[in-house]
């Protein structure tokens, strides 16, 4: 029986970066941020609006979650579909998640039209991504191991063999460990722990 490999990596950016696109006097300044939850978005947008208070538009898009399942686009007064969607499209093109891109527009006096705006916001988003340091991250799950001291060696042998990261440990008569397991190894590792009599394994919430 062939075992299907579980996808457990995703791409994101490691730090904030900036980009720029100009067209017919209009200037599109783009910013990319690594985010981990939606609460960060409002704070970042407010900060950018304060820095660029004289700009006409502050458009953005973000993706969140291992598979980019949470997302939002915002045109901030631009014609519907001409700003947030093109920005979001670049996040999809580069397969990035946990990323917020904000594009600030300073109007240059000449209307760009729908196609011109779409191209401008797409290009500004593409430029800031090109200036970003993209990293591949591994999805992990945390488990708590609870066991009596006499079976410590059996437990630690699996931890060592599977190269699990220990993030918390207490070794007394009753021992507790918090370990992280790569998502596509969870089934195999927990099965090995299941062979150790007296070991209690629980997923951390």
N, C-alpha and C. Protein backbone atom coordinates (compact mmCIF):
# COMPACT_ATOMS: atom_id res chain seq x y z
N UNK A 1 0.84 -1.20 0.00
CA UNK A 1 0.00 0.00 0.00
C UNK A 1 0.88 1.25 0.00
N UNK A 2 0.63 2.15 -0.93
CA UNK A 2 1.42 3.37 -1.04
C UNK A 2 0.87 4.42 -0.09
N UNK A 3 1.74 4.95 0.74
CA UNK A 3 1.34 5.98 1.70
C UNK A 3 1.50 7.36 1.06
N UNK A 4 0.40 8.11 1.06
CA UNK A 4 0.44 9.45 0.47
C UNK A 4 1.20 10.40 1.38
N UNK A 5 2.06 11.20 0.80
CA UNK A 5 2.83 12.19 1.56
C UNK A 5 1.92 13.37 1.90
N UNK A 6 1.87 13.74 3.17
CA UNK A 6 1.04 14.87 3.60
C UNK A 6 1.83 16.16 3.41
N UNK A 7 1.25 17.11 2.71
CA UNK A 7 1.92 18.41 2.51
C UNK A 7 1.94 19.15 3.85
N UNK A 8 3.12 19.51 4.30
CA UNK A 8 3.21 20.19 5.59
C UNK A 8 4.20 21.36 5.57
N UNK A 9 4.36 21.94 4.40
CA UNK A 9 5.20 23.14 4.29
C UNK A 9 4.41 24.25 3.60
N UNK A 10 4.80 25.48 3.87
CA UNK A 10 4.19 26.62 3.21
C UNK A 10 5.24 27.72 3.03
N UNK A 11 4.96 28.66 2.13
CA UNK A 11 5.90 29.75 1.88
C UNK A 11 5.36 31.06 2.44
N UNK A 12 6.26 31.82 3.05
CA UNK A 12 5.90 33.12 3.59
C UNK A 12 7.11 34.04 3.47
N UNK A 13 7.01 35.26 3.98
CA UNK A 13 8.17 36.15 3.99
C UNK A 13 8.70 36.24 5.41
N UNK A 14 10.00 36.47 5.54
CA UNK A 14 10.61 36.48 6.87
C UNK A 14 10.58 37.84 7.55
N UNK A 15 10.57 38.91 6.74
CA UNK A 15 10.58 40.25 7.32
C UNK A 15 9.91 41.24 6.38
N UNK A 16 9.63 42.43 6.88
CA UNK A 16 8.95 43.45 6.09
C UNK A 16 9.83 43.94 4.95
N UNK A 17 9.19 44.37 3.87
CA UNK A 17 9.94 44.91 2.73
C UNK A 17 9.10 45.95 2.01
N UNK A 18 9.74 46.68 1.08
CA UNK A 18 9.06 47.74 0.33
C UNK A 18 9.27 47.56 -1.17
N UNK A 19 8.33 48.12 -1.94
CA UNK A 19 8.43 48.11 -3.39
C UNK A 19 7.86 49.40 -3.95
N UNK A 20 7.97 49.59 -5.27
CA UNK A 20 7.51 50.84 -5.88
C UNK A 20 7.16 50.61 -7.34
N UNK A 21 6.09 51.29 -7.77
CA UNK A 21 5.73 51.31 -9.19
C UNK A 21 5.19 52.69 -9.51
N UNK A 22 5.60 53.24 -10.68
CA UNK A 22 5.14 54.56 -11.11
C UNK A 22 4.49 54.47 -12.49
N UNK A 23 3.43 55.26 -12.67
CA UNK A 23 2.77 55.30 -13.97
C UNK A 23 2.04 56.63 -14.12
N UNK A 24 2.40 57.39 -15.15
CA UNK A 24 1.75 58.66 -15.50
C UNK A 24 1.62 59.61 -14.30
N UNK A 25 2.69 59.70 -13.54
CA UNK A 25 2.72 60.61 -12.40
C UNK A 25 2.22 60.01 -11.10
N UNK A 26 1.42 58.94 -11.17
CA UNK A 26 0.96 58.29 -9.95
C UNK A 26 2.07 57.40 -9.38
N UNK A 27 2.18 57.40 -8.07
CA UNK A 27 3.20 56.62 -7.41
C UNK A 27 2.52 55.57 -6.52
N UNK A 28 2.93 54.31 -6.67
CA UNK A 28 2.35 53.21 -5.91
C UNK A 28 3.45 52.61 -5.03
N UNK A 29 3.39 52.91 -3.74
CA UNK A 29 4.39 52.41 -2.79
C UNK A 29 3.82 51.17 -2.12
N UNK A 30 4.54 50.07 -2.19
CA UNK A 30 4.03 48.81 -1.65
C UNK A 30 4.83 48.35 -0.44
N UNK A 31 4.11 47.73 0.48
CA UNK A 31 4.70 47.20 1.70
C UNK A 31 4.22 45.77 1.91
N UNK A 32 5.13 44.90 2.32
CA UNK A 32 4.77 43.52 2.63
C UNK A 32 5.15 43.24 4.08
N UNK A 33 4.26 42.54 4.78
CA UNK A 33 4.46 42.23 6.19
C UNK A 33 4.16 40.75 6.45
N UNK A 34 4.97 40.14 7.32
CA UNK A 34 4.64 38.80 7.79
C UNK A 34 3.64 38.94 8.92
N UNK A 35 2.49 38.26 8.83
CA UNK A 35 1.48 38.32 9.87
C UNK A 35 1.07 36.91 10.27
N UNK A 36 0.53 36.79 11.48
CA UNK A 36 0.08 35.48 11.96
C UNK A 36 -1.39 35.47 12.35
N UNK A 37 -2.01 36.65 12.47
CA UNK A 37 -3.45 36.69 12.72
C UNK A 37 -4.04 38.00 12.20
N UNK A 38 -5.37 38.00 12.08
CA UNK A 38 -6.07 39.14 11.47
C UNK A 38 -6.00 40.40 12.33
N UNK A 39 -5.79 40.26 13.62
CA UNK A 39 -5.73 41.42 14.51
C UNK A 39 -4.58 42.35 14.16
N UNK A 40 -3.52 41.80 13.57
CA UNK A 40 -2.36 42.62 13.21
C UNK A 40 -2.65 43.55 12.04
N UNK A 41 -3.60 43.15 11.18
CA UNK A 41 -3.86 43.89 9.95
C UNK A 41 -4.32 45.32 10.24
N UNK A 42 -5.31 45.47 11.11
CA UNK A 42 -5.87 46.79 11.41
C UNK A 42 -4.79 47.73 11.95
N UNK A 43 -3.96 47.20 12.84
CA UNK A 43 -2.89 48.02 13.44
C UNK A 43 -1.89 48.49 12.38
N UNK A 44 -1.52 47.58 11.46
CA UNK A 44 -0.56 47.93 10.40
C UNK A 44 -1.17 48.97 9.44
N UNK A 45 -2.43 48.77 9.06
CA UNK A 45 -3.10 49.70 8.15
C UNK A 45 -3.17 51.09 8.76
N UNK A 46 -3.53 51.16 10.04
CA UNK A 46 -3.62 52.46 10.72
C UNK A 46 -2.27 53.17 10.75
N UNK A 47 -1.23 52.41 10.98
CA UNK A 47 0.12 52.98 11.02
C UNK A 47 0.51 53.53 9.65
N UNK A 48 0.21 52.79 8.59
CA UNK A 48 0.55 53.23 7.23
C UNK A 48 -0.27 54.47 6.85
N UNK A 49 -1.54 54.49 7.22
CA UNK A 49 -2.38 55.66 6.93
C UNK A 49 -1.86 56.90 7.64
N UNK A 50 -1.32 56.71 8.84
CA UNK A 50 -0.76 57.84 9.58
C UNK A 50 0.52 58.34 8.90
N UNK A 51 1.34 57.39 8.40
CA UNK A 51 2.59 57.76 7.72
C UNK A 51 2.32 58.41 6.37
N UNK A 52 1.27 57.94 5.69
CA UNK A 52 0.93 58.45 4.35
C UNK A 52 -0.46 59.08 4.38
N UNK A 53 -0.64 60.05 5.28
CA UNK A 53 -1.96 60.66 5.47
C UNK A 53 -2.44 61.44 4.25
N UNK A 54 -1.50 61.89 3.39
CA UNK A 54 -1.90 62.67 2.22
C UNK A 54 -2.12 61.81 0.97
N UNK A 55 -1.89 60.51 1.09
CA UNK A 55 -2.11 59.61 -0.05
C UNK A 55 -3.61 59.42 -0.25
N UNK A 56 -4.01 59.17 -1.50
CA UNK A 56 -5.43 59.06 -1.80
C UNK A 56 -5.99 57.68 -1.45
N UNK A 57 -5.21 56.63 -1.62
CA UNK A 57 -5.71 55.28 -1.39
C UNK A 57 -4.67 54.44 -0.64
N UNK A 58 -5.17 53.55 0.22
CA UNK A 58 -4.34 52.59 0.95
C UNK A 58 -4.99 51.21 0.77
N UNK A 59 -4.66 50.56 -0.32
CA UNK A 59 -5.31 49.30 -0.68
C UNK A 59 -4.47 48.11 -0.18
N UNK A 60 -5.16 46.98 0.07
CA UNK A 60 -4.40 45.85 0.61
C UNK A 60 -5.08 44.51 0.32
N UNK A 61 -4.30 43.47 0.56
CA UNK A 61 -4.80 42.10 0.52
C UNK A 61 -3.93 41.26 1.44
N UNK A 62 -4.52 40.23 2.02
CA UNK A 62 -3.72 39.32 2.84
C UNK A 62 -4.23 37.89 2.70
N UNK A 63 -3.33 36.95 3.01
CA UNK A 63 -3.66 35.52 3.11
C UNK A 63 -3.14 35.02 4.45
N UNK A 64 -3.93 34.19 5.09
CA UNK A 64 -3.54 33.62 6.39
C UNK A 64 -3.87 32.13 6.42
N UNK A 65 -3.09 31.40 7.19
CA UNK A 65 -3.34 29.97 7.36
C UNK A 65 -2.42 29.13 6.50
N UNK A 66 -2.23 27.90 6.93
CA UNK A 66 -1.32 26.97 6.25
C UNK A 66 -1.65 26.85 4.76
N UNK A 67 -2.94 26.82 4.41
CA UNK A 67 -3.34 26.72 3.01
C UNK A 67 -3.92 28.02 2.48
N UNK A 68 -3.69 29.12 3.18
CA UNK A 68 -4.20 30.42 2.73
C UNK A 68 -5.71 30.50 2.79
N UNK A 69 -6.31 29.77 3.73
CA UNK A 69 -7.77 29.67 3.77
C UNK A 69 -8.47 30.95 4.22
N UNK A 70 -7.75 31.81 4.95
CA UNK A 70 -8.32 33.11 5.33
C UNK A 70 -7.69 34.19 4.44
N UNK A 71 -8.53 35.00 3.84
CA UNK A 71 -7.98 36.09 3.02
C UNK A 71 -8.98 37.23 2.95
N UNK A 72 -8.46 38.39 2.57
CA UNK A 72 -9.34 39.55 2.39
C UNK A 72 -8.68 40.49 1.39
N UNK A 73 -9.52 41.19 0.62
CA UNK A 73 -9.03 42.21 -0.31
C UNK A 73 -9.78 43.51 -0.02
N UNK A 74 -9.11 44.64 -0.22
CA UNK A 74 -9.72 45.95 0.04
C UNK A 74 -9.25 46.95 -1.01
N UNK A 75 -10.21 47.57 -1.72
CA UNK A 75 -9.87 48.53 -2.78
C UNK A 75 -9.75 49.96 -2.27
N UNK A 76 -10.20 50.23 -1.05
CA UNK A 76 -10.09 51.55 -0.42
C UNK A 76 -10.44 52.70 -1.37
N UNK A 77 -11.59 52.61 -2.01
CA UNK A 77 -12.05 53.72 -2.84
C UNK A 77 -11.72 53.63 -4.31
N UNK A 78 -10.80 52.75 -4.67
CA UNK A 78 -10.52 52.53 -6.09
C UNK A 78 -11.70 51.75 -6.69
N UNK A 79 -11.88 51.82 -8.02
CA UNK A 79 -12.96 51.05 -8.65
C UNK A 79 -12.88 49.57 -8.25
N UNK A 80 -14.04 48.98 -7.99
CA UNK A 80 -14.11 47.60 -7.50
C UNK A 80 -13.30 46.63 -8.36
N UNK A 81 -12.43 45.86 -7.68
CA UNK A 81 -11.65 44.83 -8.37
C UNK A 81 -10.36 45.31 -9.00
N UNK A 82 -10.03 46.61 -8.85
CA UNK A 82 -8.83 47.13 -9.53
C UNK A 82 -7.59 47.17 -8.64
N UNK A 83 -7.76 46.95 -7.34
CA UNK A 83 -6.62 47.12 -6.42
C UNK A 83 -6.39 45.88 -5.55
N UNK A 84 -7.35 45.61 -4.65
CA UNK A 84 -7.17 44.48 -3.73
C UNK A 84 -7.02 43.15 -4.45
N UNK A 85 -7.83 42.92 -5.48
CA UNK A 85 -7.76 41.66 -6.21
C UNK A 85 -6.42 41.44 -6.91
N UNK A 86 -5.90 42.44 -7.63
CA UNK A 86 -4.57 42.26 -8.25
C UNK A 86 -3.46 42.01 -7.22
N UNK A 87 -3.57 42.67 -6.06
CA UNK A 87 -2.58 42.43 -5.00
C UNK A 87 -2.68 40.99 -4.52
N UNK A 88 -3.92 40.55 -4.25
CA UNK A 88 -4.16 39.18 -3.80
C UNK A 88 -3.68 38.17 -4.85
N UNK A 89 -3.88 38.51 -6.12
CA UNK A 89 -3.44 37.64 -7.20
C UNK A 89 -1.95 37.36 -7.17
N UNK A 90 -1.17 38.34 -6.73
CA UNK A 90 0.28 38.14 -6.63
C UNK A 90 0.63 37.23 -5.46
N UNK A 91 -0.12 37.32 -4.37
CA UNK A 91 0.09 36.38 -3.26
C UNK A 91 -0.18 34.95 -3.71
N UNK A 92 -1.21 34.79 -4.55
CA UNK A 92 -1.52 33.47 -5.09
C UNK A 92 -0.43 33.00 -6.06
N UNK A 93 0.01 33.92 -6.92
CA UNK A 93 1.02 33.56 -7.94
C UNK A 93 2.31 33.06 -7.31
N UNK A 94 2.70 33.71 -6.21
CA UNK A 94 3.93 33.31 -5.51
C UNK A 94 3.67 32.28 -4.42
N UNK A 95 2.39 31.87 -4.27
CA UNK A 95 1.99 30.86 -3.29
C UNK A 95 2.44 31.25 -1.88
N UNK A 96 2.16 32.49 -1.50
CA UNK A 96 2.55 32.99 -0.18
C UNK A 96 1.35 33.05 0.76
N UNK A 97 1.58 32.76 2.02
CA UNK A 97 0.54 32.92 3.03
C UNK A 97 1.15 33.54 4.28
N UNK A 98 0.27 33.92 5.22
CA UNK A 98 0.69 34.69 6.41
C UNK A 98 1.41 35.98 5.98
N UNK A 99 0.87 36.60 4.93
CA UNK A 99 1.46 37.82 4.37
C UNK A 99 0.37 38.86 4.12
N UNK A 100 0.66 40.10 4.49
CA UNK A 100 -0.18 41.25 4.18
C UNK A 100 0.60 42.18 3.24
N UNK A 101 -0.04 42.58 2.13
CA UNK A 101 0.58 43.57 1.24
C UNK A 101 -0.33 44.79 1.19
N UNK A 102 0.25 45.95 1.45
CA UNK A 102 -0.46 47.23 1.38
C UNK A 102 0.19 48.07 0.28
N UNK A 103 -0.65 48.64 -0.58
CA UNK A 103 -0.14 49.52 -1.64
C UNK A 103 -0.76 50.90 -1.45
N UNK A 104 0.11 51.89 -1.26
CA UNK A 104 -0.30 53.28 -1.06
C UNK A 104 -0.19 54.02 -2.39
N UNK A 105 -1.26 54.70 -2.79
CA UNK A 105 -1.23 55.42 -4.07
C UNK A 105 -1.27 56.93 -3.86
N UNK A 106 -0.30 57.59 -4.49
CA UNK A 106 -0.31 59.05 -4.59
C UNK A 106 -0.73 59.39 -6.02
N UNK A 107 -1.86 60.05 -6.16
CA UNK A 107 -2.42 60.35 -7.48
C UNK A 107 -1.58 61.39 -8.20
N UNK A 108 -1.28 61.10 -9.48
CA UNK A 108 -0.42 61.99 -10.25
C UNK A 108 -1.16 62.95 -11.17
N UNK A 109 -2.50 62.93 -11.11
CA UNK A 109 -3.26 63.89 -11.92
C UNK A 109 -3.83 63.31 -13.19
N UNK A 110 -3.36 62.14 -13.60
CA UNK A 110 -3.85 61.51 -14.82
C UNK A 110 -4.54 60.19 -14.48
N UNK A 111 -5.79 60.03 -14.94
CA UNK A 111 -6.52 58.79 -14.69
C UNK A 111 -5.87 57.64 -15.46
N UNK A 112 -5.78 56.50 -14.82
CA UNK A 112 -5.12 55.35 -15.45
C UNK A 112 -6.10 54.39 -16.11
N UNK A 113 -7.38 54.51 -15.76
CA UNK A 113 -8.36 53.57 -16.31
C UNK A 113 -8.31 52.24 -15.55
N UNK A 114 -9.30 51.41 -15.78
CA UNK A 114 -9.40 50.14 -15.07
C UNK A 114 -8.19 49.25 -15.32
N UNK A 115 -7.83 49.05 -16.58
CA UNK A 115 -6.69 48.17 -16.89
C UNK A 115 -5.39 48.73 -16.36
N UNK A 116 -5.24 50.06 -16.40
CA UNK A 116 -4.03 50.70 -15.89
C UNK A 116 -3.89 50.54 -14.39
N UNK A 117 -5.01 50.65 -13.69
CA UNK A 117 -4.99 50.47 -12.23
C UNK A 117 -4.66 49.03 -11.86
N UNK A 118 -5.29 48.09 -12.55
CA UNK A 118 -5.02 46.67 -12.28
C UNK A 118 -3.55 46.36 -12.47
N UNK A 119 -2.99 46.87 -13.55
CA UNK A 119 -1.56 46.64 -13.83
C UNK A 119 -0.68 47.30 -12.77
N UNK A 120 -1.06 48.50 -12.34
CA UNK A 120 -0.25 49.24 -11.37
C UNK A 120 -0.21 48.54 -10.02
N UNK A 121 -1.37 48.13 -9.53
CA UNK A 121 -1.40 47.46 -8.22
C UNK A 121 -0.75 46.08 -8.29
N UNK A 122 -0.94 45.40 -9.41
CA UNK A 122 -0.28 44.10 -9.61
C UNK A 122 1.24 44.28 -9.62
N UNK A 123 1.72 45.28 -10.36
CA UNK A 123 3.16 45.52 -10.48
C UNK A 123 3.78 45.94 -9.16
N UNK A 124 3.07 46.79 -8.41
CA UNK A 124 3.58 47.24 -7.11
C UNK A 124 3.68 46.06 -6.15
N UNK A 125 2.67 45.18 -6.16
CA UNK A 125 2.70 43.99 -5.30
C UNK A 125 3.81 43.04 -5.72
N UNK A 126 3.98 42.87 -7.02
CA UNK A 126 5.03 41.99 -7.52
C UNK A 126 6.42 42.50 -7.12
N UNK A 127 6.59 43.84 -7.16
CA UNK A 127 7.89 44.42 -6.83
C UNK A 127 8.24 44.21 -5.36
N UNK A 128 7.25 44.39 -4.48
CA UNK A 128 7.56 44.22 -3.05
C UNK A 128 7.85 42.75 -2.72
N UNK A 129 7.17 41.84 -3.42
CA UNK A 129 7.47 40.42 -3.21
C UNK A 129 8.87 40.09 -3.70
N UNK A 130 9.25 40.68 -4.85
CA UNK A 130 10.60 40.45 -5.39
C UNK A 130 11.67 40.96 -4.43
N UNK A 131 11.32 41.97 -3.62
CA UNK A 131 12.27 42.53 -2.66
C UNK A 131 12.22 41.83 -1.30
N UNK A 132 11.37 40.82 -1.18
CA UNK A 132 11.18 40.12 0.10
C UNK A 132 12.04 38.87 0.17
N UNK A 133 12.37 38.49 1.37
CA UNK A 133 13.07 37.23 1.61
C UNK A 133 12.02 36.15 1.87
N UNK A 134 11.86 35.27 0.90
CA UNK A 134 10.84 34.22 0.99
C UNK A 134 11.43 32.98 1.65
N UNK A 135 10.68 32.42 2.58
CA UNK A 135 11.16 31.24 3.31
C UNK A 135 10.09 30.15 3.31
N UNK A 136 10.54 28.91 3.31
CA UNK A 136 9.64 27.76 3.40
C UNK A 136 9.57 27.33 4.86
N UNK A 137 8.37 27.23 5.40
CA UNK A 137 8.17 26.87 6.80
C UNK A 137 7.50 25.49 6.90
N UNK A 138 7.78 24.81 7.98
CA UNK A 138 7.21 23.48 8.23
C UNK A 138 6.08 23.60 9.25
N UNK A 139 4.97 22.93 8.97
CA UNK A 139 3.84 22.88 9.91
C UNK A 139 4.11 21.80 10.94
N UNK A 140 4.03 22.17 12.20
CA UNK A 140 4.28 21.23 13.29
C UNK A 140 3.12 21.21 14.28
N UNK A 141 3.00 20.11 14.99
CA UNK A 141 2.01 19.99 16.06
C UNK A 141 2.75 19.74 17.37
N UNK A 142 2.19 20.28 18.45
CA UNK A 142 2.83 20.11 19.76
C UNK A 142 2.06 19.08 20.57
N UNK A 143 2.82 18.19 21.21
CA UNK A 143 2.22 17.15 22.05
C UNK A 143 2.83 17.17 23.44
N UNK A 144 2.02 16.79 24.43
CA UNK A 144 2.51 16.64 25.79
C UNK A 144 2.67 15.15 26.09
N UNK A 145 3.83 14.79 26.61
CA UNK A 145 4.11 13.41 27.01
C UNK A 145 4.19 13.38 28.53
N UNK A 146 3.43 12.47 29.15
CA UNK A 146 3.48 12.33 30.60
C UNK A 146 3.79 10.87 30.93
N UNK A 147 4.79 10.67 31.78
CA UNK A 147 5.22 9.29 32.05
C UNK A 147 5.96 9.22 33.38
N UNK A 148 6.06 8.01 33.91
CA UNK A 148 6.82 7.79 35.14
C UNK A 148 8.31 7.64 34.81
N UNK A 149 9.12 8.01 35.77
CA UNK A 149 10.58 8.04 35.57
C UNK A 149 11.17 6.74 35.02
N UNK A 150 10.70 5.54 35.45
CA UNK A 150 11.32 4.29 34.98
C UNK A 150 11.28 4.08 33.45
N UNK A 151 10.33 4.70 32.75
CA UNK A 151 10.27 4.51 31.28
C UNK A 151 10.87 5.69 30.52
N UNK A 152 11.60 6.54 31.23
CA UNK A 152 12.19 7.73 30.60
C UNK A 152 13.08 7.37 29.40
N UNK A 153 13.92 6.34 29.56
CA UNK A 153 14.84 5.98 28.49
C UNK A 153 14.11 5.56 27.22
N UNK A 154 13.00 4.83 27.35
CA UNK A 154 12.23 4.41 26.19
C UNK A 154 11.64 5.63 25.45
N UNK A 155 11.11 6.55 26.26
CA UNK A 155 10.51 7.76 25.67
C UNK A 155 11.58 8.59 24.96
N UNK A 156 12.70 8.81 25.63
CA UNK A 156 13.74 9.67 25.08
C UNK A 156 14.41 9.05 23.85
N UNK A 157 14.38 7.71 23.77
CA UNK A 157 14.94 7.05 22.57
C UNK A 157 14.11 7.42 21.33
N UNK A 158 12.78 7.43 21.46
CA UNK A 158 11.92 7.83 20.33
C UNK A 158 12.14 9.31 20.00
N UNK A 159 12.21 10.13 21.05
CA UNK A 159 12.44 11.57 20.86
C UNK A 159 13.73 11.81 20.08
N UNK A 160 14.78 11.08 20.46
CA UNK A 160 16.09 11.23 19.82
C UNK A 160 16.07 10.67 18.40
N UNK A 161 15.52 9.46 18.24
CA UNK A 161 15.50 8.81 16.92
C UNK A 161 14.71 9.63 15.90
N UNK A 162 13.61 10.24 16.37
CA UNK A 162 12.75 11.02 15.46
C UNK A 162 13.16 12.49 15.39
N UNK A 163 14.21 12.84 16.13
CA UNK A 163 14.75 14.21 16.14
C UNK A 163 13.67 15.25 16.46
N UNK A 164 12.92 14.96 17.52
CA UNK A 164 11.85 15.86 17.94
C UNK A 164 12.42 17.01 18.77
N UNK A 165 11.86 18.18 18.58
CA UNK A 165 12.29 19.34 19.37
C UNK A 165 11.54 19.32 20.70
N UNK A 166 12.29 19.42 21.79
CA UNK A 166 11.70 19.48 23.13
C UNK A 166 11.60 20.95 23.53
N UNK A 167 10.38 21.42 23.77
CA UNK A 167 10.18 22.84 24.10
C UNK A 167 9.90 23.06 25.58
N UNK A 168 9.65 21.96 26.30
CA UNK A 168 9.41 22.07 27.75
C UNK A 168 9.70 20.70 28.36
N UNK A 169 10.31 20.68 29.53
CA UNK A 169 10.60 19.38 30.16
C UNK A 169 10.68 19.50 31.68
N UNK A 170 10.14 18.47 32.34
CA UNK A 170 10.25 18.32 33.79
C UNK A 170 10.56 16.85 34.04
N UNK A 171 11.70 16.57 34.67
CA UNK A 171 12.07 15.18 34.97
C UNK A 171 12.09 14.97 36.48
N UNK A 172 11.01 14.39 36.99
CA UNK A 172 10.90 14.03 38.40
C UNK A 172 10.35 12.60 38.44
N UNK A 173 9.72 12.20 39.51
CA UNK A 173 9.10 10.87 39.54
C UNK A 173 8.02 10.78 38.46
N UNK A 174 7.27 11.90 38.30
CA UNK A 174 6.33 12.03 37.20
C UNK A 174 6.93 13.03 36.21
N UNK A 175 7.21 12.58 35.01
CA UNK A 175 7.91 13.41 34.02
C UNK A 175 6.93 13.97 32.98
N UNK A 176 7.22 15.16 32.51
CA UNK A 176 6.40 15.79 31.46
C UNK A 176 7.31 16.41 30.41
N UNK A 177 6.96 16.18 29.16
CA UNK A 177 7.67 16.77 28.02
C UNK A 177 6.67 17.39 27.06
N UNK A 178 7.03 18.53 26.48
CA UNK A 178 6.30 19.07 25.34
C UNK A 178 7.23 18.95 24.14
N UNK A 179 6.76 18.25 23.11
CA UNK A 179 7.59 18.07 21.92
C UNK A 179 6.81 18.54 20.69
N UNK A 180 7.53 18.98 19.66
CA UNK A 180 6.89 19.34 18.39
C UNK A 180 7.21 18.25 17.37
N UNK A 181 6.17 17.88 16.63
CA UNK A 181 6.30 16.83 15.62
C UNK A 181 5.87 17.38 14.27
N UNK A 182 6.71 17.21 13.26
CA UNK A 182 6.35 17.63 11.91
C UNK A 182 5.05 16.95 11.50
N UNK A 183 4.16 17.70 10.87
CA UNK A 183 2.80 17.20 10.61
C UNK A 183 2.77 15.87 9.86
N UNK A 184 3.64 15.72 8.85
CA UNK A 184 3.57 14.48 8.08
C UNK A 184 4.22 13.29 8.79
N UNK A 185 4.75 13.53 10.03
CA UNK A 185 5.33 12.43 10.81
C UNK A 185 4.49 12.12 12.05
N UNK A 186 3.42 12.88 12.26
CA UNK A 186 2.63 12.73 13.49
C UNK A 186 2.12 11.30 13.65
N UNK A 187 1.57 10.74 12.59
CA UNK A 187 0.98 9.39 12.68
C UNK A 187 2.03 8.34 13.07
N UNK A 188 3.19 8.41 12.40
CA UNK A 188 4.25 7.43 12.68
C UNK A 188 4.81 7.57 14.10
N UNK A 189 5.05 8.82 14.50
CA UNK A 189 5.66 9.05 15.81
C UNK A 189 4.70 8.67 16.93
N UNK A 190 3.44 9.07 16.82
CA UNK A 190 2.48 8.74 17.89
C UNK A 190 2.25 7.23 17.96
N UNK A 191 2.37 6.55 16.82
CA UNK A 191 2.25 5.09 16.83
C UNK A 191 3.40 4.48 17.63
N UNK A 192 4.62 5.01 17.44
CA UNK A 192 5.78 4.51 18.19
C UNK A 192 5.63 4.79 19.69
N UNK A 193 5.11 5.96 20.02
CA UNK A 193 4.86 6.26 21.43
C UNK A 193 3.80 5.31 22.01
N UNK A 194 2.85 4.89 21.16
CA UNK A 194 1.78 4.00 21.60
C UNK A 194 2.28 2.64 22.07
N UNK A 195 3.48 2.24 21.62
CA UNK A 195 4.05 0.96 22.02
C UNK A 195 4.66 1.02 23.42
N UNK A 196 4.82 2.23 23.97
CA UNK A 196 5.45 2.36 25.29
C UNK A 196 4.37 2.34 26.37
N UNK A 197 4.35 1.27 27.13
CA UNK A 197 3.32 1.10 28.16
C UNK A 197 3.51 2.11 29.28
N UNK A 198 2.41 2.80 29.64
CA UNK A 198 2.46 3.77 30.72
C UNK A 198 2.69 5.20 30.25
N UNK A 199 2.89 5.39 28.95
CA UNK A 199 3.10 6.73 28.41
C UNK A 199 1.77 7.35 28.00
N UNK A 200 1.49 8.55 28.48
CA UNK A 200 0.28 9.28 28.13
C UNK A 200 0.65 10.39 27.13
N UNK A 201 0.00 10.38 25.97
CA UNK A 201 0.30 11.34 24.90
C UNK A 201 -0.95 12.15 24.60
N UNK A 202 -0.85 13.47 24.70
CA UNK A 202 -1.98 14.34 24.38
C UNK A 202 -1.52 15.50 23.51
N UNK A 203 -2.37 15.85 22.53
CA UNK A 203 -2.07 17.00 21.68
C UNK A 203 -2.32 18.28 22.44
N UNK A 204 -1.37 19.20 22.38
CA UNK A 204 -1.53 20.50 23.05
C UNK A 204 -2.45 21.40 22.23
N UNK A 205 -3.35 22.09 22.90
CA UNK A 205 -4.29 22.99 22.22
C UNK A 205 -3.64 24.35 22.04
